[in-house]
Structures are given as C-alpha cells and as structure tokens.
Protein backbone atom coordinates (compact mmCIF):
# COMPACT_ATOMS: atom_id res chain seq x y z
CA MET A 1 -21.90 2.98 -7.75
CA GLU A 2 -18.93 3.85 -9.92
CA ASP A 3 -17.13 1.07 -11.78
CA ILE A 4 -13.55 0.18 -10.91
CA ILE A 5 -11.05 -2.24 -12.41
CA LEU A 6 -8.30 -3.90 -10.36
CA LEU A 7 -4.72 -4.66 -11.39
CA GLY A 8 -3.28 -7.91 -10.06
CA LEU A 9 -4.98 -11.00 -8.65
CA GLY A 10 -2.95 -12.16 -5.65
CA GLY A 11 -3.30 -12.34 -1.90
CA HIS A 12 -3.30 -8.58 -1.38
CA ALA A 13 -6.19 -8.31 -3.83
CA HIS A 14 -8.36 -10.40 -1.51
CA SER A 15 -8.07 -7.78 1.24
CA VAL A 16 -8.69 -4.92 -1.17
CA VAL A 17 -11.80 -6.58 -2.63
CA ASP A 18 -13.23 -7.11 0.83
CA SER A 19 -12.72 -3.46 1.77
CA ILE A 20 -14.20 -2.20 -1.51
CA GLU A 21 -17.27 -4.38 -1.08
CA GLN A 22 -17.82 -3.21 2.50
CA ALA A 23 -17.57 0.46 1.55
CA GLY A 24 -20.15 0.05 -1.21
CA LYS A 25 -18.85 2.93 -3.33
CA TYR A 26 -17.40 1.00 -6.27
CA ASN A 27 -18.61 -1.82 -8.48
CA ILE A 28 -15.69 -4.15 -9.28
CA ILE A 29 -15.64 -5.00 -12.99
CA GLY A 30 -12.82 -7.55 -12.69
CA PHE A 31 -9.04 -7.90 -12.77
CA LEU A 32 -6.26 -7.36 -15.25
CA ASP A 33 -3.11 -9.44 -14.83
CA THR A 34 -0.37 -11.27 -16.73
CA GLN A 35 -1.00 -13.65 -19.60
CA GLU A 36 -0.44 -16.61 -17.28
CA MET A 37 -3.32 -15.45 -15.06
CA GLN A 38 -5.94 -15.28 -17.80
CA GLY A 39 -9.10 -17.18 -16.86
CA LYS A 40 -8.32 -17.12 -13.14
CA TYR A 41 -10.86 -15.65 -10.79
CA TYR A 42 -11.51 -14.66 -7.20
CA ARG A 43 -15.07 -15.09 -6.03
CA ASP A 44 -17.24 -13.46 -8.71
CA TYR A 45 -14.40 -11.44 -10.27
CA THR A 46 -12.52 -12.77 -13.29
CA VAL A 47 -9.20 -11.84 -14.91
CA LEU A 48 -10.49 -10.07 -18.00
CA GLY A 49 -7.23 -9.45 -19.82
CA THR A 50 -3.70 -8.14 -19.44
CA ASP A 51 -2.60 -4.60 -18.64
CA ASP A 52 -2.70 -3.95 -22.38
CA ALA A 53 -6.50 -3.75 -22.04
CA LEU A 54 -6.36 -0.69 -19.77
CA LYS A 55 -6.93 1.78 -22.60
CA LYS A 56 -9.85 -0.27 -23.94
CA TYR A 57 -11.64 -0.24 -20.59
CA TYR A 58 -10.95 3.46 -20.12
CA ASP A 59 -12.41 4.17 -23.55
CA SER A 60 -15.47 2.10 -22.61
CA GLY A 61 -16.20 4.53 -19.79
CA ILE A 62 -14.45 3.06 -16.73
CA ARG A 63 -12.61 5.87 -14.96
CA ASN A 64 -11.39 4.23 -11.73
CA ALA A 65 -8.59 1.69 -11.28
CA PHE A 66 -6.67 0.39 -8.29
CA VAL A 67 -3.40 -1.53 -8.04
CA THR A 68 -3.99 -4.71 -6.03
CA ILE A 69 -0.44 -6.03 -6.30
CA GLY A 70 1.36 -6.02 -2.95
CA PHE A 71 4.82 -4.71 -2.19
CA MET A 72 6.68 -7.83 -3.46
CA GLY A 73 9.97 -6.75 -1.86
CA HIS A 74 10.02 -3.39 -3.62
CA GLY A 75 7.59 -0.78 -4.86
CA ASP A 76 8.77 -0.52 -8.47
CA ILE A 77 5.96 -2.54 -10.07
CA ARG A 78 3.32 -0.56 -8.21
CA ASN A 79 5.07 2.63 -9.29
CA GLN A 80 5.08 1.62 -12.95
CA LEU A 81 1.41 0.63 -12.90
CA HIS A 82 0.39 3.85 -11.18
CA GLU A 83 2.22 5.91 -13.81
CA ARG A 84 0.53 3.96 -16.59
CA LEU A 85 -2.90 4.49 -15.07
CA LYS A 86 -2.37 8.21 -14.68
CA ASP A 87 -0.97 8.53 -18.22
CA ILE A 88 -4.18 6.97 -19.60
CA GLY A 89 -6.33 9.24 -17.43
CA TYR A 90 -7.64 6.92 -14.72
CA GLU A 91 -8.55 8.11 -11.26
CA VAL A 92 -6.71 6.03 -8.64
CA PRO A 93 -8.80 6.39 -5.48
CA ASN A 94 -7.97 5.39 -1.94
CA VAL A 95 -9.43 2.17 -0.60
CA ILE A 96 -10.01 2.52 3.13
CA ASP A 97 -11.56 -0.29 5.11
CA SER A 98 -14.69 0.73 7.00
CA SER A 99 -13.10 -0.37 10.29
CA ALA A 100 -10.05 1.92 9.92
CA VAL A 101 -9.78 5.11 11.98
CA ILE A 102 -8.42 8.14 10.11
CA SER A 103 -7.88 11.48 11.83
CA LYS A 104 -9.58 14.45 10.21
CA SER A 105 -6.21 16.22 10.18
CA ALA A 106 -4.37 13.37 8.46
CA LYS A 107 -3.46 13.94 4.81
CA LEU A 108 -3.72 11.08 2.33
CA ALA A 109 -2.64 11.22 -1.32
CA ASP A 110 -4.05 8.83 -3.96
CA GLY A 111 -3.91 5.07 -4.50
CA ILE A 112 -3.55 4.28 -0.80
CA PHE A 113 -4.88 1.11 0.82
CA VAL A 114 -5.76 1.24 4.52
CA GLY A 115 -6.65 -2.16 5.99
CA LYS A 116 -8.88 -3.39 8.77
CA ASN A 117 -8.54 -1.74 12.19
CA ALA A 118 -5.65 0.47 11.08
CA VAL A 119 -5.25 3.83 12.80
CA ILE A 120 -3.81 6.95 11.16
CA ASN A 121 -3.59 9.66 13.77
CA ALA A 122 -3.46 13.47 13.84
CA ASN A 123 -1.38 15.33 11.25
CA ALA A 124 0.01 12.13 9.72
CA LYS A 125 0.84 12.33 6.01
CA ILE A 126 0.56 9.29 3.74
CA GLU A 127 1.86 9.75 0.22
CA THR A 128 0.84 8.14 -3.08
CA MET A 129 0.30 4.37 -3.36
CA CYS A 130 1.24 3.39 0.19
CA ILE A 131 -0.17 0.29 1.87
CA ILE A 132 -1.16 0.69 5.51
CA ASN A 133 -2.12 -2.86 6.32
CA THR A 134 -4.27 -4.62 8.90
CA GLY A 135 -3.93 -3.36 12.46
CA VAL A 136 -1.19 -0.83 11.76
CA ILE A 137 -0.85 2.23 14.01
CA VAL A 138 0.54 5.35 12.37
CA GLU A 139 0.79 7.86 15.18
CA HIS A 140 0.59 11.65 15.09
CA ASP A 141 2.84 13.63 12.75
CA CYS A 142 4.28 10.62 10.92
CA VAL A 143 5.22 10.89 7.24
CA ILE A 144 5.18 7.84 4.98
CA GLU A 145 6.54 8.58 1.55
CA GLU A 146 5.24 7.17 -1.71
CA PHE A 147 5.07 3.47 -2.62
CA SER A 148 5.94 2.25 0.88
CA HIS A 149 4.22 -0.57 2.77
CA VAL A 150 3.64 -0.78 6.51
CA ALA A 151 2.83 -4.44 7.14
CA VAL A 152 0.30 -5.96 9.51
CA GLY A 153 0.47 -5.05 13.19
CA SER A 154 3.31 -2.54 12.92
CA VAL A 155 3.49 0.56 15.10
CA LEU A 156 5.01 3.87 14.05
CA CYS A 157 5.27 6.11 17.10
CA GLY A 158 4.87 9.88 16.86
CA GLY A 159 6.87 11.86 14.32
CA VAL A 160 8.38 8.92 12.41
CA THR A 161 9.42 9.42 8.78
CA VAL A 162 9.51 6.49 6.35
CA GLY A 163 11.13 7.04 2.96
CA LYS A 164 10.00 5.95 -0.50
CA HIS A 165 9.66 2.31 -1.56
CA THR A 166 10.30 1.01 1.96
CA LEU A 167 8.78 -2.01 3.70
CA ILE A 168 8.15 -1.98 7.44
CA GLY A 169 7.72 -5.67 8.27
CA ALA A 170 4.91 -7.22 10.29
CA ASN A 171 4.80 -6.28 13.99
CA ALA A 172 7.79 -3.95 13.73
CA THR A 173 7.92 -0.97 16.08
CA VAL A 174 9.56 2.33 15.20
CA ILE A 175 10.36 4.58 18.15
CA GLN A 176 9.24 8.21 18.00
CA GLU A 177 11.04 10.70 15.76
CA ARG A 178 13.12 8.06 13.96
CA ILE A 179 13.87 8.48 10.25
CA ILE A 180 13.93 5.42 7.99
CA GLY A 181 15.35 5.95 4.52
CA SER A 182 14.10 5.00 1.08
CA HIS A 183 14.34 1.52 -0.46
CA CYS A 184 14.72 -0.16 2.93
CA ILE A 185 13.32 -3.39 4.31
CA ILE A 186 12.77 -3.50 8.07
CA GLY A 187 12.32 -7.10 9.17
CA ALA A 188 9.27 -8.45 10.94
CA GLY A 189 9.31 -7.80 14.67
CA THR A 190 12.21 -5.35 14.52
CA VAL A 191 12.40 -2.52 17.04
CA VAL A 192 13.89 0.54 15.34
CA SER A 193 15.46 2.89 17.88
CA LYS A 194 17.85 4.77 15.60
CA ASP A 195 17.76 6.32 12.15
CA ILE A 196 18.24 4.02 9.17
CA GLN A 197 19.99 5.12 5.98
CA ASP A 198 18.68 4.49 2.46
CA ASN A 199 19.02 1.06 0.84
CA ARG A 200 19.30 -1.07 3.95
CA ILE A 201 17.81 -4.38 5.07
CA CYS A 202 17.62 -4.33 8.86
CA TYR A 203 16.36 -6.69 11.54
CA GLY A 204 16.87 -7.36 15.22
CA ALA A 205 16.04 -6.14 18.70
CA MET A 206 16.54 -2.58 19.87
CA GLU A 207 20.17 -3.01 20.87
CA LYS A 208 21.06 -5.41 18.02
CA LEU A 209 19.77 -3.69 14.91
CA ARG A 210 21.98 -4.73 12.02
CA ASN A 211 22.50 -3.63 8.45
CA VAL A 212 22.48 -6.94 6.65
CA GLU A 213 23.19 -5.74 3.13
CA ASP A 214 22.40 -3.06 0.63
CA CYS A 215 19.07 -3.65 -1.13
C-alpha cells in the first residue's frame, strides 16, 4: 500500500478514514492540523504536526495527501490547502467509498471524496476537490465545479450545473437542467426549481425559494 497523510482531524475526516480503510489502497500515516490539535487522535491515527510539516513528510518519501477538512461554509480553506499540496508536489487522489456507484462515463478530477452509497451517473463531471457525500445522487450530465460540496441525501437531477465553492445542503433536490452559481449555499431540504445566481444563500420549498442575503 502507498502511504498517505491527511489534513484536518474533524468529523469529515472520520468518513474519509473509513472509506480509505475499506478500499485498502493507502496506509494512513496520520494527520496534520492546527497547533491547538497537536496530540489529538482518531482511532490509531495521531495528529503528527501542523501544515508546516508537509514539506518534511514529502521529503521523507510520502507522495499522497488528502484534505479531510469539510466545507465549513465555504471552500476557501480546502482551496488553499490543495494549492499548497500541489506546490510541494503531492498527489491528491480521489477517495471513493467502496459502496459508491460511479458510471464508467463519468469524469472525476482530483481530490474528490465520494461517500457511502453515492451515485454518480453517466457523463457527469466532478471537478477538483468536491465532496459528494453519503447517499447523494448526481444524475446524468451534471457538472459540479471545483471545491463544492453536495451534502448527505441530496439529489441533482439530470443536466444540473453547480458552480464553484457552493454547498448543496442535506436532502436538497435540484430539478433537471437548473444552474446554481458559484459561492452559494442551498439550505437543507430546499427544492430548487429555477436558476440561482452567484453569491446567494437560498432555502425554501419549490414555490417559495428565497434569496436571503449575499454570501
């Protein structure tokens, strides 16, 4: 197995660790996190240092790293960490749970997490560092742009486009062919039946979708 180091010990990391272990491709060395997290651990995996240790571990021969920090309301932190990893030279693989179903014609970039029982259907395109969480359905011909997060149980019907750094909340449904902009938050349980512009926080039923405020 190839060694891999993980960035960020929080709740999302628990899901990622489980999927890595089930796949059996990578050996988890441990976590890097903030100074306040030093000495913390999850199961057999300890926080080994801060992000400043990334170059040291790369020089020691570790070539794989994965960002295990969740969306946290925006994708900027994940973006910054991904850029740092690539600048050092790390490979940032995809972590796909063994229970997920991925169409052979789907196209996935790097750094993507696909959770348990997720479905990514024909001709879908998932860009860099997206999170496709537990039980999500991404139907045919959808496009999810980089650093976005589709939360647990959400459904994107055919031909949906989701912009960069956008969160689709848990159990949301996006009707076919809708376009959701970048830097948006779509609230849990929302039914999206019309296009959404950039920088919006939206929630509500199909006929009551509201723009609450700019992000």
